[in-house]
Every structure is written in structure tokens, then in C-alpha cells.
Amino acid sequence: MDMSAENPFADLMTKAVKLKGAQQAQLRTQFDSWPQYFQHSLFMQESVVTVRTKPFPERIAAAEEMKHTGNAHFNGEALEEAVAEYEKALAVFKYLENKDPGWKKKGIEDSDMLITDFQCNNPEDQKRLTLLKISCYLNIAVAKLKLKEYAVCIQACDDTLDLDPKNVKAYYRRAQALITPPSSGALEFDRAISNLQKAYAIDRENREVRKLLRELMEQRSKQRALDKETFSGMFNRGQVYGDE
């Protein structure tokens, strides 16, 4: 059968596949809104799934080892591999499951999603777990910033700040991710400055924060002065277009 683009049947099949995909996407809007590193917890290999069943001391030790492996990849500039290890470490404790055994054929639907976010009864254990999560989120943020995946970087910073609202590194990285994309404009600059001001209020001695905050404040001041001059010149020249 001729399945070329000129074949009407092929065109019909292509449209049907696209329609099916669009319909399926409507059933997983929440899933699609989650960060990649959380989505990937649904697809973890058996070794990670097995670790989830272990007592906490074994689980945390395994997750910390995954993080250390990720750090080794990161130091070797293998950023994708590093992120994969950080994702595994996080997925030992916070992960998605699908309650529909046939989901791999049917597809992902929000109504089938089960979220597990393990919490420790022991305060010291919980502190250790929280520190692990924060470290992994921050490392993902740095890696994604280097990979120019700015939206994921921001999501990782958001998750860090949910756990530690005074995390200076998260505010700083989020500011970087806001201003670095070529599409960044005045809104992103304002948001970045707001993040840096929060970081500065927490740690006034942080040189990186102070330097970037000063640079952005100066750039914004110059831009506002230029905008004022431009618009003032436009109005001073009078009406550009006459009525027809």
C-alpha cells in the first residue's frame, strides 16, 4: 500500500494519530505540568523500585550513593548522566505510580496517578532526607542551566525553596535562569531582581548575589532612562499620523 504523503489514506491516518495524541494529552494535563525529573520517577528501573522497599537507613544510603555518582558525572561534564542519577536519588523517596496495570498500552491519565512522598517519623532522619532532596534539586538546577533548559532549572529551584525558603543558591540560580534566555525581557529582569533581593536579604555577604544584583539594577536603570528618553522624544515630535 502506498503510504506516501500524497496518498489520501496516509494523510487521513496521520490526522487520526494527531487527534488521538491530542485527546490523550487532555487526560494528562497535570502529569504534563510536572517537572521532567518528577515525571521520570514513573519509569525507574527495577533497581530503584527495589530500593524503595528497604528500611530507611538502606534507602538513604543508596540514594546518597546515586547522588555521589551524579556528582562524578557532573564533574566530568556528563550533565545528562548526572541529572539521571539525581533523578534516581529523588525517586527513591518521591515518585509516581500508575494504578492501571495496562497503562503502558493505554497511555498516561491523571486519574490513574498515585504520588508517594515518603516522610520520616524520626526528625533527624527527616532532616537528612530533606538535605538530600535539596542537594539533588540544586544540582539538577545547575545542570539544566548549563544545558540551557531554563524552565526545568526554575522548577528545580522552586522545589528547593518549597523545602528551604531561605536557600540563597536557589534564588540565585532562578534569577540566572530568568535572565539568560535570549527571549528574556523586562518582566524576567524584574523577577530576577526580586529573587536576588530576597537572596541578598538572607545573605548580604554573598559576592555572586551582590554582583549580579548590582549589574541587573544598573541595566534596568539604564533601560528605563532610555525608554523615557525614547517615549519623550516621540511625544515631543507631536502626532506622527494624521487622521484619514
C-alpha atoms as a PDB file:
ATOM      1  CA  MET A   1       0.000   0.000   0.000  1.00  0.00           C
ATOM      2  CA  ASP A   2       1.265   3.448  -0.899  1.00  0.00           C
ATOM      3  CA  MET A   3       1.649   5.337   2.412  1.00  0.00           C
ATOM      4  CA  SER A   4       3.344   8.379   0.905  1.00  0.00           C
ATOM      5  CA  ALA A   5       2.262  11.896   1.806  1.00  0.00           C
ATOM      6  CA  GLU A   6       0.340  12.112  -1.497  1.00  0.00           C
ATOM      7  CA  ASN A   7      -1.849   9.155  -0.536  1.00  0.00           C
ATOM      8  CA  PRO A   8      -5.202  10.335   0.925  1.00  0.00           C
ATOM      9  CA  PHE A   9      -5.315   7.315   3.252  1.00  0.00           C
ATOM     10  CA  ALA A  10      -1.872   8.140   4.635  1.00  0.00           C
ATOM     11  CA  ASP A  11      -2.974  11.721   5.217  1.00  0.00           C
ATOM     12  CA  LEU A  12      -6.104  10.508   6.992  1.00  0.00           C
ATOM     13  CA  MET A  13      -4.067   8.170   9.215  1.00  0.00           C
ATOM     14  CA  THR A  14      -1.667  10.975  10.119  1.00  0.00           C
ATOM     15  CA  LYS A  15      -4.557  13.209  11.141  1.00  0.00           C
ATOM     16  CA  ALA A  16      -6.104  10.382  13.172  1.00  0.00           C
ATOM     17  CA  VAL A  17      -2.840   9.822  15.053  1.00  0.00           C
ATOM     18  CA  LYS A  18      -2.566  13.540  15.797  1.00  0.00           C
ATOM     19  CA  LEU A  19      -6.175  13.635  17.018  1.00  0.00           C
ATOM     20  CA  LYS A  20      -5.573  10.600  19.235  1.00  0.00           C
ATOM     21  CA  GLY A  21      -2.475  12.276  20.657  1.00  0.00           C
ATOM     22  CA  ALA A  22      -4.375  15.498  21.358  1.00  0.00           C
ATOM     23  CA  GLN A  23      -7.196  13.612  23.066  1.00  0.00           C
ATOM     24  CA  GLN A  24      -4.720  11.656  25.183  1.00  0.00           C
ATOM     25  CA  ALA A  25      -2.914  14.865  26.160  1.00  0.00           C
ATOM     26  CA  GLN A  26      -6.166  16.261  27.570  1.00  0.00           C
ATOM     27  CA  LEU A  27      -6.263  13.338  30.009  1.00  0.00           C
ATOM     28  CA  ARG A  28      -2.807  14.027  31.429  1.00  0.00           C
ATOM     29  CA  THR A  29      -2.632  17.808  31.813  1.00  0.00           C
ATOM     30  CA  GLN A  30      -1.461  17.539  35.413  1.00  0.00           C
ATOM     31  CA  PHE A  31       1.217  14.993  34.543  1.00  0.00           C
ATOM     32  CA  ASP A  32       2.475  17.220  31.734  1.00  0.00           C
ATOM     33  CA  SER A  33       2.714  20.166  34.141  1.00  0.00           C
ATOM     34  CA  TRP A  34       5.105  18.337  36.462  1.00  0.00           C
ATOM     35  CA  PRO A  35       8.887  18.737  36.091  1.00  0.00           C
ATOM     36  CA  GLN A  36      10.696  16.186  33.946  1.00  0.00           C
ATOM     37  CA  TYR A  37      12.622  14.857  36.916  1.00  0.00           C
ATOM     38  CA  PHE A  38       9.351  14.004  38.686  1.00  0.00           C
ATOM     39  CA  GLN A  39       7.703  12.556  35.569  1.00  0.00           C
ATOM     40  CA  HIS A  40      10.688  10.263  35.106  1.00  0.00           C
ATOM     41  CA  SER A  41      10.066   8.688  38.527  1.00  0.00           C
ATOM     42  CA  LEU A  42       7.258   6.731  36.846  1.00  0.00           C
ATOM     43  CA  PHE A  43       9.757   4.946  34.591  1.00  0.00           C
ATOM     44  CA  MET A  44      12.512   3.965  37.028  1.00  0.00           C
ATOM     45  CA  GLN A  45      14.470   0.749  36.587  1.00  0.00           C
ATOM     46  CA  GLU A  46      13.873  -2.208  38.882  1.00  0.00           C
ATOM     47  CA  SER A  47      16.960  -1.446  40.983  1.00  0.00           C
ATOM     48  CA  VAL A  48      15.416   1.846  42.126  1.00  0.00           C
ATOM     49  CA  VAL A  49      11.984   0.290  42.679  1.00  0.00           C
ATOM     50  CA  THR A  50      13.586  -2.396  44.847  1.00  0.00           C
ATOM     51  CA  VAL A  51      15.419   0.156  46.995  1.00  0.00           C
ATOM     52  CA  ARG A  52      12.064   1.759  47.846  1.00  0.00           C
ATOM     53  CA  THR A  53      11.116  -1.364  49.815  1.00  0.00           C
ATOM     54  CA  LYS A  54      14.207  -1.245  52.044  1.00  0.00           C
ATOM     55  CA  PRO A  55      14.412   0.173  55.590  1.00  0.00           C
ATOM     56  CA  PHE A  56      15.242   3.879  55.732  1.00  0.00           C
ATOM     57  CA  PRO A  57      18.983   3.511  56.540  1.00  0.00           C
ATOM     58  CA  GLU A  58      19.480   1.391  53.419  1.00  0.00           C
ATOM     59  CA  ARG A  59      17.270   3.619  51.277  1.00  0.00           C
ATOM     60  CA  ILE A  60      19.020   6.845  52.219  1.00  0.00           C
ATOM     61  CA  ALA A  61      22.470   5.269  51.812  1.00  0.00           C
ATOM     62  CA  ALA A  62      21.569   4.032  48.320  1.00  0.00           C
ATOM     63  CA  ALA A  63      20.094   7.400  47.342  1.00  0.00           C
ATOM     64  CA  GLU A  64      23.156   9.261  48.608  1.00  0.00           C
ATOM     65  CA  GLU A  65      25.368   6.928  46.577  1.00  0.00           C
ATOM     66  CA  MET A  66      23.296   7.743  43.489  1.00  0.00           C
ATOM     67  CA  LYS A  67      23.810  11.428  44.185  1.00  0.00           C
ATOM     68  CA  HIS A  68      27.577  10.917  44.527  1.00  0.00           C
ATOM     69  CA  THR A  69      27.600   9.090  41.189  1.00  0.00           C
ATOM     70  CA  GLY A  70      25.725  12.036  39.727  1.00  0.00           C
ATOM     71  CA  ASN A  71      28.336  14.416  41.112  1.00  0.00           C
ATOM     72  CA  ALA A  72      31.088  12.390  39.435  1.00  0.00           C
ATOM     73  CA  HIS A  73      29.260  12.633  36.110  1.00  0.00           C
ATOM     74  CA  PHE A  74      28.718  16.361  36.646  1.00  0.00           C
ATOM     75  CA  ASN A  75      32.412  16.959  37.347  1.00  0.00           C
ATOM     76  CA  GLY A  76      33.170  15.126  34.106  1.00  0.00           C
ATOM     77  CA  GLU A  77      30.750  17.388  32.207  1.00  0.00           C
ATOM     78  CA  ALA A  78      28.400  14.441  31.572  1.00  0.00           C
ATOM     79  CA  LEU A  79      25.404  16.545  32.522  1.00  0.00           C
ATOM     80  CA  GLU A  80      22.587  14.338  31.220  1.00  0.00           C
ATOM     81  CA  GLU A  81      24.034  11.336  33.048  1.00  0.00           C
ATOM     82  CA  ALA A  82      24.386  13.436  36.197  1.00  0.00           C
ATOM     83  CA  VAL A  83      20.748  14.512  36.071  1.00  0.00           C
ATOM     84  CA  ALA A  84      19.662  10.889  35.584  1.00  0.00           C
ATOM     85  CA  GLU A  85      21.429   9.923  38.821  1.00  0.00           C
ATOM     86  CA  TYR A  86      19.928  12.846  40.743  1.00  0.00           C
ATOM     87  CA  GLU A  87      16.504  11.828  39.439  1.00  0.00           C
ATOM     88  CA  LYS A  88      17.067   8.280  40.674  1.00  0.00           C
ATOM     89  CA  ALA A  89      18.081   9.513  44.123  1.00  0.00           C
ATOM     90  CA  LEU A  90      14.930  11.628  44.373  1.00  0.00           C
ATOM     91  CA  ALA A  91      12.752   8.814  43.022  1.00  0.00           C
ATOM     92  CA  VAL A  92      13.722   6.548  45.905  1.00  0.00           C
ATOM     93  CA  PHE A  93      11.544   8.701  48.163  1.00  0.00           C
ATOM     94  CA  LYS A  94       9.222  10.773  45.975  1.00  0.00           C
ATOM     95  CA  TYR A  95       7.746   9.062  42.967  1.00  0.00           C
ATOM     96  CA  LEU A  96       4.782   8.388  40.718  1.00  0.00           C
ATOM     97  CA  GLU A  97       2.992   5.101  40.200  1.00  0.00           C
ATOM     98  CA  ASN A  98       0.181   4.181  37.836  1.00  0.00           C
ATOM     99  CA  LYS A  99      -2.654   2.167  39.368  1.00  0.00           C
ATOM    100  CA  ASP A 100      -3.777   0.923  35.938  1.00  0.00           C
ATOM    101  CA  PRO A 101      -1.724  -2.194  35.059  1.00  0.00           C
ATOM    102  CA  GLY A 102      -2.411  -1.602  31.363  1.00  0.00           C
ATOM    103  CA  TRP A 103      -1.236   1.997  31.293  1.00  0.00           C
ATOM    104  CA  LYS A 104       1.768   1.341  29.070  1.00  0.00           C
ATOM    105  CA  LYS A 105      -0.592   0.403  26.241  1.00  0.00           C
ATOM    106  CA  LYS A 106      -3.455   2.738  27.116  1.00  0.00           C
ATOM    107  CA  GLY A 107      -1.372   5.788  27.946  1.00  0.00           C
ATOM    108  CA  ILE A 108      -0.982   8.057  30.960  1.00  0.00           C
ATOM    109  CA  GLU A 109      -4.064   9.595  32.574  1.00  0.00           C
ATOM    110  CA  ASP A 110      -4.076  11.912  35.575  1.00  0.00           C
ATOM    111  CA  SER A 111      -6.854   9.932  37.256  1.00  0.00           C
ATOM    112  CA  ASP A 112      -4.572   6.871  37.414  1.00  0.00           C
ATOM    113  CA  MET A 113      -1.618   8.630  39.039  1.00  0.00           C
ATOM    114  CA  LEU A 114      -0.547   7.816  42.594  1.00  0.00           C
ATOM    115  CA  ILE A 115       2.013  10.056  44.322  1.00  0.00           C
ATOM    116  CA  THR A 116       4.267   8.820  47.116  1.00  0.00           C
ATOM    117  CA  ASP A 117       6.286  11.364  49.078  1.00  0.00           C
ATOM    118  CA  PHE A 118       7.985   9.461  51.891  1.00  0.00           C
ATOM    119  CA  GLN A 119       8.318  11.232  55.235  1.00  0.00           C
ATOM    120  CA  CYS A 120      10.329  10.038  58.239  1.00  0.00           C
ATOM    121  CA  ASN A 121       8.967   9.808  61.757  1.00  0.00           C
ATOM    122  CA  ASN A 122      12.405  10.481  63.202  1.00  0.00           C
ATOM    123  CA  PRO A 123      13.304  14.218  62.979  1.00  0.00           C
ATOM    124  CA  GLU A 124      16.998  13.510  62.370  1.00  0.00           C
ATOM    125  CA  ASP A 125      16.186  11.087  59.566  1.00  0.00           C
ATOM    126  CA  GLN A 126      13.800  13.614  58.035  1.00  0.00           C
ATOM    127  CA  LYS A 127      16.484  16.301  58.178  1.00  0.00           C
ATOM    128  CA  ARG A 128      18.913  14.011  56.362  1.00  0.00           C
ATOM    129  CA  LEU A 129      16.291  13.224  53.721  1.00  0.00           C
ATOM    130  CA  THR A 130      15.422  16.889  53.216  1.00  0.00           C
ATOM    131  CA  LEU A 131      19.090  17.791  52.782  1.00  0.00           C
ATOM    132  CA  LEU A 132      19.436  15.049  50.165  1.00  0.00           C
ATOM    133  CA  LYS A 133      16.426  16.346  48.233  1.00  0.00           C
ATOM    134  CA  ILE A 134      17.656  19.941  48.370  1.00  0.00           C
ATOM    135  CA  SER A 135      21.097  18.913  47.143  1.00  0.00           C
ATOM    136  CA  CYS A 136      19.635  16.935  44.231  1.00  0.00           C
ATOM    137  CA  TYR A 137      17.246  19.726  43.236  1.00  0.00           C
ATOM    138  CA  LEU A 138      20.038  22.310  43.297  1.00  0.00           C
ATOM    139  CA  ASN A 139      22.331  20.060  41.282  1.00  0.00           C
ATOM    140  CA  ILE A 140      19.590  19.484  38.716  1.00  0.00           C
ATOM    141  CA  ALA A 141      19.089  23.251  38.544  1.00  0.00           C
ATOM    142  CA  VAL A 142      22.771  23.883  37.801  1.00  0.00           C
ATOM    143  CA  ALA A 143      22.937  21.096  35.219  1.00  0.00           C
ATOM    144  CA  LYS A 144      19.779  22.276  33.458  1.00  0.00           C
ATOM    145  CA  LEU A 145      21.095  25.843  33.441  1.00  0.00           C
ATOM    146  CA  LYS A 146      24.233  24.609  31.678  1.00  0.00           C
ATOM    147  CA  LEU A 147      22.073  22.604  29.267  1.00  0.00           C
ATOM    148  CA  LYS A 148      20.004  25.737  28.552  1.00  0.00           C
ATOM    149  CA  GLU A 149      16.833  24.057  29.814  1.00  0.00           C
ATOM    150  CA  TYR A 150      15.813  27.124  31.763  1.00  0.00           C
ATOM    151  CA  ALA A 151      12.224  26.175  32.593  1.00  0.00           C
ATOM    152  CA  VAL A 152      13.339  22.945  34.286  1.00  0.00           C
ATOM    153  CA  CYS A 153      16.050  24.854  36.141  1.00  0.00           C
ATOM    154  CA  ILE A 154      13.393  27.193  37.524  1.00  0.00           C
ATOM    155  CA  GLN A 155      11.191  24.252  38.543  1.00  0.00           C
ATOM    156  CA  ALA A 156      14.087  22.662  40.428  1.00  0.00           C
ATOM    157  CA  CYS A 157      14.709  25.960  42.226  1.00  0.00           C
ATOM    158  CA  ASP A 158      11.006  26.154  43.078  1.00  0.00           C
ATOM    159  CA  ASP A 159      11.145  22.678  44.626  1.00  0.00           C
ATOM    160  CA  THR A 160      14.249  23.647  46.584  1.00  0.00           C
ATOM    161  CA  LEU A 161      12.542  26.719  48.004  1.00  0.00           C
ATOM    162  CA  ASP A 162       9.486  24.682  48.965  1.00  0.00           C
ATOM    163  CA  LEU A 163      11.798  22.716  51.257  1.00  0.00           C
ATOM    164  CA  ASP A 164      14.061  25.599  52.260  1.00  0.00           C
ATOM    165  CA  PRO A 165      12.528  29.083  51.771  1.00  0.00           C
ATOM    166  CA  LYS A 166      15.842  30.722  52.703  1.00  0.00           C
ATOM    167  CA  ASN A 167      18.022  28.918  50.199  1.00  0.00           C
ATOM    168  CA  VAL A 168      20.229  31.589  48.638  1.00  0.00           C
ATOM    169  CA  LYS A 169      21.548  29.314  45.890  1.00  0.00           C
ATOM    170  CA  ALA A 170      18.011  28.578  44.678  1.00  0.00           C
ATOM    171  CA  TYR A 171      17.128  32.276  44.428  1.00  0.00           C
ATOM    172  CA  TYR A 172      20.409  32.963  42.619  1.00  0.00           C
ATOM    173  CA  ARG A 173      20.019  30.105  40.126  1.00  0.00           C
ATOM    174  CA  ARG A 174      16.404  31.033  39.476  1.00  0.00           C
ATOM    175  CA  ALA A 175      17.482  34.594  38.724  1.00  0.00           C
ATOM    176  CA  GLN A 176      20.104  33.308  36.288  1.00  0.00           C
ATOM    177  CA  ALA A 177      17.558  31.095  34.548  1.00  0.00           C
ATOM    178  CA  LEU A 178      15.188  34.046  34.183  1.00  0.00           C
ATOM    179  CA  ILE A 179      17.652  36.428  32.529  1.00  0.00           C
ATOM    180  CA  THR A 180      19.810  34.081  30.447  1.00  0.00           C
ATOM    181  CA  PRO A 181      17.371  33.075  27.655  1.00  0.00           C
ATOM    182  CA  PRO A 182      17.522  35.342  24.573  1.00  0.00           C
ATOM    183  CA  SER A 183      13.767  35.844  24.908  1.00  0.00           C
ATOM    184  CA  SER A 184      14.080  37.404  28.373  1.00  0.00           C
ATOM    185  CA  GLY A 185      12.596  40.867  28.694  1.00  0.00           C
ATOM    186  CA  ALA A 186      11.697  43.449  31.299  1.00  0.00           C
ATOM    187  CA  LEU A 187       9.361  41.100  33.171  1.00  0.00           C
ATOM    188  CA  GLU A 188      12.055  38.444  33.575  1.00  0.00           C
ATOM    189  CA  PHE A 189      14.573  41.089  34.663  1.00  0.00           C
ATOM    190  CA  ASP A 190      12.177  42.348  37.333  1.00  0.00           C
ATOM    191  CA  ARG A 191      11.546  38.821  38.573  1.00  0.00           C
ATOM    192  CA  ALA A 192      15.274  38.092  38.640  1.00  0.00           C
ATOM    193  CA  ILE A 193      15.962  41.250  40.628  1.00  0.00           C
ATOM    194  CA  SER A 194      13.225  40.283  43.080  1.00  0.00           C
ATOM    195  CA  ASN A 195      14.855  36.871  43.549  1.00  0.00           C
ATOM    196  CA  LEU A 196      18.272  38.406  44.083  1.00  0.00           C
ATOM    197  CA  GLN A 197      16.893  40.908  46.574  1.00  0.00           C
ATOM    198  CA  LYS A 198      15.448  38.024  48.580  1.00  0.00           C
ATOM    199  CA  ALA A 199      18.797  36.238  48.436  1.00  0.00           C
ATOM    200  CA  TYR A 200      20.613  39.416  49.493  1.00  0.00           C
ATOM    201  CA  ALA A 201      18.269  39.889  52.450  1.00  0.00           C
ATOM    202  CA  ILE A 202      19.235  36.397  53.630  1.00  0.00           C
ATOM    203  CA  ASP A 203      22.979  36.648  52.967  1.00  0.00           C
ATOM    204  CA  ARG A 204      24.375  40.132  52.478  1.00  0.00           C
ATOM    205  CA  GLU A 205      27.928  38.803  52.163  1.00  0.00           C
ATOM    206  CA  ASN A 206      27.304  36.594  49.138  1.00  0.00           C
ATOM    207  CA  ARG A 207      29.513  38.069  46.410  1.00  0.00           C
ATOM    208  CA  GLU A 208      27.800  36.361  43.476  1.00  0.00           C
ATOM    209  CA  VAL A 209      24.405  37.645  44.560  1.00  0.00           C
ATOM    210  CA  ARG A 210      25.668  41.170  45.172  1.00  0.00           C
ATOM    211  CA  LYS A 211      27.492  41.300  41.834  1.00  0.00           C
ATOM    212  CA  LEU A 212      24.570  40.078  39.730  1.00  0.00           C
ATOM    213  CA  LEU A 213      22.061  42.214  41.618  1.00  0.00           C
ATOM    214  CA  ARG A 214      24.173  45.324  41.054  1.00  0.00           C
ATOM    215  CA  GLU A 215      24.569  44.531  37.349  1.00  0.00           C
ATOM    216  CA  LEU A 216      20.850  43.981  36.822  1.00  0.00           C
ATOM    217  CA  MET A 217      19.880  47.090  38.769  1.00  0.00           C
ATOM    218  CA  GLU A 218      22.257  49.162  36.634  1.00  0.00           C
ATOM    219  CA  GLN A 219      20.941  47.619  33.408  1.00  0.00           C
ATOM    220  CA  ARG A 220      17.352  48.235  34.435  1.00  0.00           C
ATOM    221  CA  SER A 221      18.112  51.831  35.388  1.00  0.00           C
ATOM    222  CA  LYS A 222      19.789  52.485  32.032  1.00  0.00           C
ATOM    223  CA  GLN A 223      16.949  50.827  30.127  1.00  0.00           C
ATOM    224  CA  ARG A 224      14.314  52.871  31.945  1.00  0.00           C
ATOM    225  CA  ALA A 225      16.213  56.079  31.231  1.00  0.00           C
ATOM    226  CA  LEU A 226      16.487  55.104  27.564  1.00  0.00           C
ATOM    227  CA  ASP A 227      12.787  54.228  27.399  1.00  0.00           C
ATOM    228  CA  LYS A 228      11.874  57.546  28.990  1.00  0.00           C
ATOM    229  CA  GLU A 229      14.025  59.442  26.505  1.00  0.00           C
ATOM    230  CA  THR A 230      12.596  57.489  23.569  1.00  0.00           C
ATOM    231  CA  PHE A 231       8.956  57.979  24.522  1.00  0.00           C
ATOM    232  CA  SER A 232       9.551  61.595  25.472  1.00  0.00           C
ATOM    233  CA  GLY A 233      11.024  62.221  22.036  1.00  0.00           C
ATOM    234  CA  MET A 234       8.052  60.591  20.357  1.00  0.00           C
ATOM    235  CA  PHE A 235       5.560  62.802  22.174  1.00  0.00           C
ATOM    236  CA  ASN A 236       7.649  65.932  21.667  1.00  0.00           C
ATOM    237  CA  ARG A 237       7.605  65.377  17.916  1.00  0.00           C
ATOM    238  CA  GLY A 238       3.845  65.542  18.033  1.00  0.00           C
ATOM    239  CA  GLN A 239       1.382  63.361  16.255  1.00  0.00           C
ATOM    240  CA  VAL A 240       3.047  61.094  13.745  1.00  0.00           C
ATOM    241  CA  TYR A 241      -0.022  60.049  11.799  1.00  0.00           C
ATOM    242  CA  GLY A 242      -2.864  62.313  10.767  1.00  0.00           C
ATOM    243  CA  ASP A 243      -6.493  61.351  10.686  1.00  0.00           C
ATOM    244  CA  GLU A 244      -7.661  59.957   7.410  1.00  0.00           C
END
